[in-house]
Amino acid sequence: MSDSVYNFGAGPATLPSSVIDQVKSNLHDFSNGMSIMEVSHRSAAFKDYADQSEVSIRKLLNISDDYVVLFLQGGATFQFTMVPQNLSERGSNKNYQTKGSANYLITGGWSKKAADYAKFHTSVNTVFDSSENSYTSVIDIKDWNI
């Protein structure tokens, strides 16, 4: 039996030993005597690393040059804030509310969380909230409140 611990939760996951070994070896020397965690994010070494990472991701996921690849910090819930901040029409009030609105179809805990976070940045229209039926169904698209 293996002594490895497996994490099946959201977020970080269990990595193969070979990946951990490669990361460990690169942490000690990132081709300039420093680990990747010590290299300035403004340095040529880091820029080269980020550029090569983008090339690798584009190749792996077959992403054309029609799209921009972004490396962003934060987890899934951080996206709940970033989406309305970046896709809503900009307002001018000091609370950083946008002028537009966003439509949310509440189909479970995650979409409810997304709509709740969006309320900090824009007006939220709930198209349909399936919590009333324990998130088991969605009404026909012609009946959505848009």
Protein backbone atom coordinates (compact mmCIF):
# COMPACT_ATOMS: atom_id res chain seq x y z
CA MET A 1 0.00 0.00 0.00
CA SER A 2 1.23 3.46 -0.88
CA ASP A 3 2.06 6.02 1.80
CA SER A 4 0.86 8.83 -0.49
CA VAL A 5 -1.98 11.07 0.61
CA TYR A 6 -4.58 11.92 -2.03
CA ASN A 7 -6.54 15.16 -2.12
CA PHE A 8 -9.79 14.99 -4.09
CA GLY A 9 -11.08 18.37 -2.89
CA ALA A 10 -11.42 21.58 -4.88
CA GLY A 11 -8.25 23.55 -5.47
CA PRO A 12 -4.79 21.99 -5.21
CA ALA A 13 -4.62 18.30 -6.04
CA THR A 14 -2.22 15.41 -5.55
CA LEU A 15 0.69 15.51 -7.99
CA PRO A 16 2.72 12.60 -9.36
CA SER A 17 6.08 12.08 -7.64
CA SER A 18 7.92 12.85 -10.89
CA VAL A 19 6.30 16.31 -11.03
CA ILE A 20 7.15 17.04 -7.39
CA ASP A 21 10.76 15.93 -7.99
CA GLN A 22 11.05 18.21 -11.04
CA VAL A 23 9.62 21.18 -9.12
CA LYS A 24 12.00 20.53 -6.23
CA SER A 25 15.00 20.44 -8.55
CA ASN A 26 13.96 23.68 -10.27
CA LEU A 27 13.37 25.47 -6.97
CA HIS A 28 17.04 25.24 -6.10
CA ASP A 29 18.33 26.79 -9.31
CA PHE A 30 16.24 28.49 -11.95
CA SER A 31 19.21 28.70 -14.36
CA ASN A 32 20.63 31.75 -12.57
CA GLY A 33 21.41 30.56 -9.06
CA MET A 34 17.96 31.46 -7.67
CA SER A 35 14.71 29.53 -7.45
CA ILE A 36 11.62 30.63 -9.39
CA MET A 37 10.20 31.90 -6.09
CA GLU A 38 13.16 34.27 -5.70
CA VAL A 39 13.36 35.65 -9.24
CA SER A 40 11.91 39.13 -9.75
CA HIS A 41 8.69 39.13 -11.75
CA ARG A 42 10.22 42.02 -13.70
CA SER A 43 13.39 40.14 -14.67
CA ALA A 44 14.26 38.82 -18.12
CA ALA A 45 14.48 35.29 -16.66
CA PHE A 46 10.90 35.44 -15.40
CA LYS A 47 9.64 37.02 -18.64
CA ASP A 48 11.25 34.19 -20.61
CA TYR A 49 9.63 31.66 -18.26
CA ALA A 50 6.19 33.31 -18.63
CA ASP A 51 6.53 33.52 -22.42
CA GLN A 52 7.51 29.84 -22.66
CA SER A 53 4.63 28.93 -20.35
CA GLU A 54 2.21 30.73 -22.68
CA VAL A 55 3.62 28.91 -25.72
CA SER A 56 3.24 25.58 -23.92
CA ILE A 57 -0.34 26.30 -22.82
CA ARG A 58 -1.32 27.45 -26.32
CA LYS A 59 0.11 24.25 -27.78
CA LEU A 60 -1.43 21.98 -25.14
CA LEU A 61 -4.91 23.52 -25.42
CA ASN A 62 -4.71 24.45 -29.12
CA ILE A 63 -5.37 28.15 -28.41
CA SER A 64 -5.08 30.37 -31.48
CA ASP A 65 -3.57 33.85 -31.55
CA ASP A 66 -7.15 35.20 -31.69
CA TYR A 67 -7.21 34.78 -27.89
CA VAL A 68 -5.15 36.23 -25.05
CA VAL A 69 -3.76 33.91 -22.38
CA LEU A 70 -3.84 35.45 -18.92
CA PHE A 71 -1.97 34.20 -15.87
CA LEU A 72 -4.00 35.37 -12.90
CA GLN A 73 -3.74 34.79 -9.20
CA GLY A 74 -6.70 33.72 -7.14
CA GLY A 75 -8.98 30.73 -7.19
CA ALA A 76 -12.42 30.05 -8.58
CA THR A 77 -14.23 32.48 -6.30
CA PHE A 78 -11.87 35.28 -7.34
CA GLN A 79 -13.30 34.93 -10.85
CA PHE A 80 -16.74 35.74 -9.42
CA THR A 81 -15.44 39.25 -8.76
CA MET A 82 -13.26 39.62 -11.85
CA VAL A 83 -15.99 38.81 -14.37
CA PRO A 84 -18.42 41.61 -13.44
CA GLN A 85 -15.55 44.04 -12.85
CA ASN A 86 -14.14 43.47 -16.31
CA LEU A 87 -17.21 42.74 -18.42
CA SER A 88 -19.72 45.28 -17.10
CA GLU A 89 -20.08 48.83 -18.39
CA ARG A 90 -18.06 51.21 -16.23
CA GLY A 91 -19.87 53.54 -13.90
CA SER A 92 -18.54 56.64 -12.22
CA ASN A 93 -19.73 56.34 -8.64
CA LYS A 94 -17.20 55.95 -5.87
CA ASN A 95 -18.42 52.50 -4.83
CA TYR A 96 -17.06 51.07 -8.08
CA GLN A 97 -20.54 49.98 -9.18
CA THR A 98 -20.91 49.59 -12.91
CA LYS A 99 -23.72 51.18 -14.92
CA GLY A 100 -24.86 47.96 -16.57
CA SER A 101 -26.32 44.79 -15.20
CA ALA A 102 -25.55 41.09 -15.36
CA ASN A 103 -27.91 38.16 -15.77
CA TYR A 104 -27.43 35.13 -13.53
CA LEU A 105 -29.13 31.75 -13.74
CA ILE A 106 -28.94 30.28 -10.22
CA THR A 107 -28.52 26.52 -10.63
CA GLY A 108 -26.57 25.67 -7.49
CA GLY A 109 -24.24 26.89 -4.79
CA TRP A 110 -21.52 28.13 -7.13
CA SER A 111 -23.78 30.22 -9.36
CA LYS A 112 -25.45 31.67 -6.26
CA LYS A 113 -22.03 32.63 -4.94
CA ALA A 114 -21.13 34.19 -8.30
CA ALA A 115 -24.31 36.29 -8.32
CA ASP A 116 -23.75 37.37 -4.71
CA TYR A 117 -20.18 38.52 -5.48
CA ALA A 118 -21.37 40.33 -8.62
CA LYS A 119 -23.74 42.46 -6.53
CA PHE A 120 -20.69 44.31 -5.18
CA HIS A 121 -19.89 45.53 -8.69
CA THR A 122 -23.04 45.70 -10.77
CA SER A 123 -26.79 45.34 -10.76
CA VAL A 124 -27.70 41.64 -10.82
CA ASN A 125 -30.76 40.26 -12.58
CA THR A 126 -31.69 36.74 -11.51
CA VAL A 127 -32.91 35.03 -14.66
CA PHE A 128 -34.15 32.04 -12.67
CA ASP A 129 -33.39 30.68 -9.22
CA SER A 130 -33.71 26.91 -9.03
CA SER A 131 -33.13 26.82 -5.26
CA GLU A 132 -36.91 26.69 -4.90
CA ASN A 133 -36.82 23.17 -6.38
CA SER A 134 -33.56 22.09 -4.69
CA TYR A 135 -31.59 22.92 -7.84
CA THR A 136 -33.12 19.99 -9.72
CA SER A 137 -34.40 21.74 -12.84
CA VAL A 138 -34.29 24.89 -14.93
CA ILE A 139 -37.27 26.51 -16.62
CA ASP A 140 -37.50 26.68 -20.40
CA ILE A 141 -35.30 29.38 -21.94
CA LYS A 142 -38.34 31.20 -23.34
CA ASP A 143 -39.48 31.81 -19.74
CA TRP A 144 -36.20 33.29 -18.50
CA ASN A 145 -36.48 36.75 -16.93
CA ILE A 146 -34.09 38.71 -19.16
